Amino acid sequence: MSSDQLQQSHDAREQALLVSQWSGNGDSSLHVMNRSLDPVQDVSVGFQVRIAEDRHHQPPGGLVVFFVKLRSIPPCSEIIFASDARALHWKPAKDMMAMSATLPETWTDDGTWRKIASMRGAFFRGMRFTDRNGTKWGRERDGQLIAPDYQFAPSAGDQEPAPGRLSRTPPVKPLKTCEGG
């Protein structure tokens, strides 16, 4: 590959490289960051949480999976998914419709959802987003940036988790440092 081709490849991925996630060891939150000076659009984030509920009201394996749709992540900002927001809910029954990505503001409780009181860990499953040029990108569980045809998929050996929903959009915090400063 020539140096011009390498530069074009890097330029095409420049903003996507600045969109990432992290969760500390034993941390009960997931942080999704956009360190670029432009927003990213059409964001879908998949994550799984392990919850500590009453043993009679426990999802399979204590796991709840979330597929959250966000209109955008603002420039130079971080979105935090955490149990202390009291906006996380899970559904005991299998419900394939509940496994699709939705905007938090469109969710309604039909009386079958339970509020998550505390989490024992948040685990990233994947993310999709669109950059300033309209290119679709994804990040896998390991954080690797991947091509636009990305689909969320459980890995072999995953337990079938209960579906989860957010009842409100998670908080957005400005970052102290960003691309170019």
Foldseek 3Di string as FASTA:
>chain_A
DDPVVVVVVCVVCVQVVQWFKDADVQRQKIKTWRQAQAKWAFKWWKKKFAADDDPVPAWVVSIEIEIETDGIAGHQKMFMDGLVVQFKKFARDDDVVLQDYDYLQVDDDPPRIGTGNHTRTMFTAKMWTADPVRAIWMAGSVRDIDHRVDDGDDDPPDDDTTYMGGNHGTDMGHHPHHPPD
